[in-house]
Amino acid sequence: MSTTTADLGAFVLRVTLGVLAFSHGFILKVLTFTPAGTAGYFESIGYPAAFAYLVIFAEVAGGLALITGILPRLAAIGLIPVLIGATLQHAGNGWSFSSTGGGWEFPAAWTVLLLASALIGPGAFALGRNLPGKLASL
C-alpha cells in the first residue's frame, strides 16, 4: 500500500495532537502540578476533584493513542469534551493567549483540530491498522 501526501498529513496532525495532549497531561498535570495539585485547582474553579483525574487520564492515554495510532479516532473524540471544558474555562479571559489567565483561542483551535483528526482518520504509520475487524478503523 502506498502512502499518499494526505496520509502523511493525517499522520502529522495525529502525532502533533498526541504530543500536545500527552505533554499537557503528563508533564504539566502529573510532573509539574502533581495530580493532587491539579485536583485542588479543579476544586478551586468549581469542578469536582475527580474530574482532574479523569482529565489527566484522558490526556495521557489519549495522547499515547494518538501518537501510536491505536484507536486514534476514539482518542480524538474522547479528548474533545476535555478541550471544550478548557475553552469554557478560559472564555472569560478573552481571545488572546496574552490575556491574564490565557485566552480561549488555543483550546478552541485544539478542539477543532481534534475533530478534524477524528474525521480524517489515522493516516500513515498507525499501529491500530493491525487490530482485528472494525477496530482498525477506529
C-alpha atoms as a PDB file:
ATOM      1  CA  MET A   1       0.000   0.000   0.000  1.00  0.00           C
ATOM      2  CA  SER A   2       1.448   3.351  -0.992  1.00  0.00           C
ATOM      3  CA  THR A   3       1.416   6.352   1.338  1.00  0.00           C
ATOM      4  CA  THR A   4      -0.185   9.487  -0.052  1.00  0.00           C
ATOM      5  CA  THR A   5       0.509  13.047   0.973  1.00  0.00           C
ATOM      6  CA  ALA A   6      -2.955  13.054   2.599  1.00  0.00           C
ATOM      7  CA  ASP A   7      -1.924  10.018   4.690  1.00  0.00           C
ATOM      8  CA  LEU A   8       1.238  11.828   5.730  1.00  0.00           C
ATOM      9  CA  GLY A   9      -0.723  14.987   6.568  1.00  0.00           C
ATOM     10  CA  ALA A  10      -3.154  12.999   8.739  1.00  0.00           C
ATOM     11  CA  PHE A  11      -0.164  11.346  10.436  1.00  0.00           C
ATOM     12  CA  VAL A  12       1.479  14.709  11.189  1.00  0.00           C
ATOM     13  CA  LEU A  13      -1.798  16.100  12.568  1.00  0.00           C
ATOM     14  CA  ARG A  14      -2.446  12.980  14.684  1.00  0.00           C
ATOM     15  CA  VAL A  15       1.044  12.848  16.195  1.00  0.00           C
ATOM     16  CA  THR A  16       1.143  16.601  16.853  1.00  0.00           C
ATOM     17  CA  LEU A  17      -2.171  16.442  18.696  1.00  0.00           C
ATOM     18  CA  GLY A  18      -0.954  13.386  20.590  1.00  0.00           C
ATOM     19  CA  VAL A  19       2.248  15.081  21.721  1.00  0.00           C
ATOM     20  CA  LEU A  20       0.251  18.136  22.846  1.00  0.00           C
ATOM     21  CA  ALA A  21      -2.235  16.029  24.822  1.00  0.00           C
ATOM     22  CA  PHE A  22       0.387  13.755  26.386  1.00  0.00           C
ATOM     23  CA  SER A  23       2.675  16.600  27.388  1.00  0.00           C
ATOM     24  CA  HIS A  24      -0.219  18.647  28.776  1.00  0.00           C
ATOM     25  CA  GLY A  25      -1.462  15.709  30.823  1.00  0.00           C
ATOM     26  CA  PHE A  26       1.822  14.173  31.948  1.00  0.00           C
ATOM     27  CA  ILE A  27       4.398  16.941  32.083  1.00  0.00           C
ATOM     28  CA  LEU A  28       2.076  19.732  33.235  1.00  0.00           C
ATOM     29  CA  LYS A  29      -0.527  17.963  35.353  1.00  0.00           C
ATOM     30  CA  VAL A  30       1.446  14.974  36.691  1.00  0.00           C
ATOM     31  CA  LEU A  31       5.050  16.155  36.946  1.00  0.00           C
ATOM     32  CA  THR A  32       4.649  19.910  37.408  1.00  0.00           C
ATOM     33  CA  PHE A  33       1.413  20.432  39.352  1.00  0.00           C
ATOM     34  CA  THR A  34       1.014  16.799  40.574  1.00  0.00           C
ATOM     35  CA  PRO A  35      -2.327  15.008  40.406  1.00  0.00           C
ATOM     36  CA  ALA A  36      -3.277  16.259  43.878  1.00  0.00           C
ATOM     37  CA  GLY A  37      -2.386  19.829  42.925  1.00  0.00           C
ATOM     38  CA  THR A  38      -4.383  19.533  39.726  1.00  0.00           C
ATOM     39  CA  ALA A  39      -7.351  18.179  41.709  1.00  0.00           C
ATOM     40  CA  GLY A  40      -7.043  21.132  44.076  1.00  0.00           C
ATOM     41  CA  TYR A  41      -7.059  23.538  41.155  1.00  0.00           C
ATOM     42  CA  PHE A  42     -10.142  21.872  39.677  1.00  0.00           C
ATOM     43  CA  GLU A  43     -11.902  22.274  43.034  1.00  0.00           C
ATOM     44  CA  SER A  44     -10.862  25.932  43.203  1.00  0.00           C
ATOM     45  CA  ILE A  45     -12.633  26.617  39.898  1.00  0.00           C
ATOM     46  CA  GLY A  46     -15.768  24.734  40.894  1.00  0.00           C
ATOM     47  CA  TYR A  47     -15.222  21.286  39.394  1.00  0.00           C
ATOM     48  CA  PRO A  48     -15.161  18.061  41.397  1.00  0.00           C
ATOM     49  CA  ALA A  49     -11.625  16.872  42.191  1.00  0.00           C
ATOM     50  CA  ALA A  50     -12.410  13.579  40.440  1.00  0.00           C
ATOM     51  CA  PHE A  51     -12.624  15.457  37.135  1.00  0.00           C
ATOM     52  CA  ALA A  52      -8.930  16.274  37.412  1.00  0.00           C
ATOM     53  CA  TYR A  53      -8.021  12.596  37.473  1.00  0.00           C
ATOM     54  CA  LEU A  54     -10.320  11.891  34.520  1.00  0.00           C
ATOM     55  CA  VAL A  55      -8.743  14.740  32.556  1.00  0.00           C
ATOM     56  CA  ILE A  56      -5.231  13.536  33.388  1.00  0.00           C
ATOM     57  CA  PHE A  57      -6.138  10.031  32.241  1.00  0.00           C
ATOM     58  CA  ALA A  58      -7.799  11.314  29.061  1.00  0.00           C
ATOM     59  CA  GLU A  59      -4.841  13.500  28.141  1.00  0.00           C
ATOM     60  CA  VAL A  60      -2.154  10.903  28.871  1.00  0.00           C
ATOM     61  CA  ALA A  61      -3.946   7.871  27.417  1.00  0.00           C
ATOM     62  CA  GLY A  62      -5.466   9.859  24.540  1.00  0.00           C
ATOM     63  CA  GLY A  63      -2.113  11.395  23.719  1.00  0.00           C
ATOM     64  CA  LEU A  64      -0.428   7.982  23.616  1.00  0.00           C
ATOM     65  CA  ALA A  65      -3.251   6.582  21.485  1.00  0.00           C
ATOM     66  CA  LEU A  66      -2.878   9.434  19.009  1.00  0.00           C
ATOM     67  CA  ILE A  67       0.921   9.165  18.895  1.00  0.00           C
ATOM     68  CA  THR A  68       0.849   5.420  18.282  1.00  0.00           C
ATOM     69  CA  GLY A  69      -2.221   5.428  16.083  1.00  0.00           C
ATOM     70  CA  ILE A  70      -4.053   2.869  18.220  1.00  0.00           C
ATOM     71  CA  LEU A  71      -7.760   3.784  18.205  1.00  0.00           C
ATOM     72  CA  PRO A  72      -6.904   7.382  17.271  1.00  0.00           C
ATOM     73  CA  ARG A  73     -10.404   8.383  16.201  1.00  0.00           C
ATOM     74  CA  LEU A  74     -11.792   7.337  19.574  1.00  0.00           C
ATOM     75  CA  ALA A  75      -8.931   9.120  21.330  1.00  0.00           C
ATOM     76  CA  ALA A  76      -9.582  12.344  19.415  1.00  0.00           C
ATOM     77  CA  ILE A  77     -13.316  12.179  20.118  1.00  0.00           C
ATOM     78  CA  GLY A  78     -12.638  11.400  23.776  1.00  0.00           C
ATOM     79  CA  LEU A  79     -10.411  14.448  24.130  1.00  0.00           C
ATOM     80  CA  ILE A  80     -12.945  16.848  22.610  1.00  0.00           C
ATOM     81  CA  PRO A  81     -15.026  17.237  25.826  1.00  0.00           C
ATOM     82  CA  VAL A  82     -11.811  17.927  27.771  1.00  0.00           C
ATOM     83  CA  LEU A  83     -10.904  20.724  25.374  1.00  0.00           C
ATOM     84  CA  ILE A  84     -14.427  22.111  25.335  1.00  0.00           C
ATOM     85  CA  GLY A  85     -14.168  22.329  29.125  1.00  0.00           C
ATOM     86  CA  ALA A  86     -10.809  24.104  28.816  1.00  0.00           C
ATOM     87  CA  THR A  87     -12.255  26.500  26.252  1.00  0.00           C
ATOM     88  CA  LEU A  88     -15.172  27.329  28.536  1.00  0.00           C
ATOM     89  CA  GLN A  89     -12.824  27.797  31.487  1.00  0.00           C
ATOM     90  CA  HIS A  90     -10.749  30.313  29.504  1.00  0.00           C
ATOM     91  CA  ALA A  91     -13.703  32.018  27.771  1.00  0.00           C
ATOM     92  CA  GLY A  92     -13.930  34.829  30.297  1.00  0.00           C
ATOM     93  CA  ASN A  93     -10.257  35.706  29.800  1.00  0.00           C
ATOM     94  CA  GLY A  94     -10.705  36.956  26.257  1.00  0.00           C
ATOM     95  CA  TRP A  95      -9.364  35.798  22.932  1.00  0.00           C
ATOM     96  CA  SER A  96      -5.602  36.044  23.161  1.00  0.00           C
ATOM     97  CA  PHE A  97      -3.065  33.914  24.993  1.00  0.00           C
ATOM     98  CA  SER A  98      -1.596  37.173  26.277  1.00  0.00           C
ATOM     99  CA  SER A  99      -4.741  37.788  28.345  1.00  0.00           C
ATOM    100  CA  THR A 100      -4.452  37.210  32.084  1.00  0.00           C
ATOM    101  CA  GLY A 101      -5.143  33.523  32.687  1.00  0.00           C
ATOM    102  CA  GLY A 102      -4.714  32.711  28.997  1.00  0.00           C
ATOM    103  CA  GLY A 103      -7.248  33.190  26.241  1.00  0.00           C
ATOM    104  CA  TRP A 104      -9.660  30.724  24.763  1.00  0.00           C
ATOM    105  CA  GLU A 105      -8.256  30.650  21.211  1.00  0.00           C
ATOM    106  CA  PHE A 106      -5.797  27.787  21.793  1.00  0.00           C
ATOM    107  CA  PRO A 107      -8.183  25.276  23.412  1.00  0.00           C
ATOM    108  CA  ALA A 108     -10.855  26.195  20.855  1.00  0.00           C
ATOM    109  CA  ALA A 109      -8.450  25.577  17.965  1.00  0.00           C
ATOM    110  CA  TRP A 110      -7.266  22.360  19.612  1.00  0.00           C
ATOM    111  CA  THR A 111     -10.912  21.197  19.822  1.00  0.00           C
ATOM    112  CA  VAL A 112     -11.461  21.820  16.107  1.00  0.00           C
ATOM    113  CA  LEU A 113      -8.196  20.083  15.192  1.00  0.00           C
ATOM    114  CA  LEU A 114      -9.197  17.013  17.225  1.00  0.00           C
ATOM    115  CA  LEU A 115     -12.499  16.917  15.357  1.00  0.00           C
ATOM    116  CA  ALA A 116     -10.659  17.194  12.042  1.00  0.00           C
ATOM    117  CA  SER A 117      -8.328  14.367  13.024  1.00  0.00           C
ATOM    118  CA  ALA A 118     -11.262  12.153  14.019  1.00  0.00           C
ATOM    119  CA  LEU A 119     -12.958  12.841  10.675  1.00  0.00           C
ATOM    120  CA  ILE A 120      -9.826  12.394   8.553  1.00  0.00           C
ATOM    121  CA  GLY A 121      -8.651   9.211  10.204  1.00  0.00           C
ATOM    122  CA  PRO A 122      -5.301   7.957  11.419  1.00  0.00           C
ATOM    123  CA  GLY A 123      -3.209   8.449   8.320  1.00  0.00           C
ATOM    124  CA  ALA A 124       0.141   6.762   7.784  1.00  0.00           C
ATOM    125  CA  PHE A 125       2.070   4.667  10.295  1.00  0.00           C
ATOM    126  CA  ALA A 126      -0.899   3.944  12.591  1.00  0.00           C
ATOM    127  CA  LEU A 127      -0.290   0.824  14.646  1.00  0.00           C
ATOM    128  CA  GLY A 128      -4.038   0.375  15.026  1.00  0.00           C
ATOM    129  CA  ARG A 129      -4.294  -0.745  11.418  1.00  0.00           C
ATOM    130  CA  ASN A 130      -3.198  -4.174  12.682  1.00  0.00           C
ATOM    131  CA  LEU A 131      -6.193  -4.511  15.015  1.00  0.00           C
ATOM    132  CA  PRO A 132      -8.904  -7.023  14.035  1.00  0.00           C
ATOM    133  CA  GLY A 133     -12.065  -6.087  12.177  1.00  0.00           C
ATOM    134  CA  LYS A 134     -13.670  -2.701  12.644  1.00  0.00           C
ATOM    135  CA  LEU A 135     -11.282  -1.779  15.468  1.00  0.00           C
ATOM    136  CA  ALA A 136      -8.711  -0.998  12.785  1.00  0.00           C
ATOM    137  CA  SER A 137     -10.836   1.905  11.529  1.00  0.00           C
ATOM    138  CA  LEU A 138     -11.320   3.480  14.955  1.00  0.00           C
END
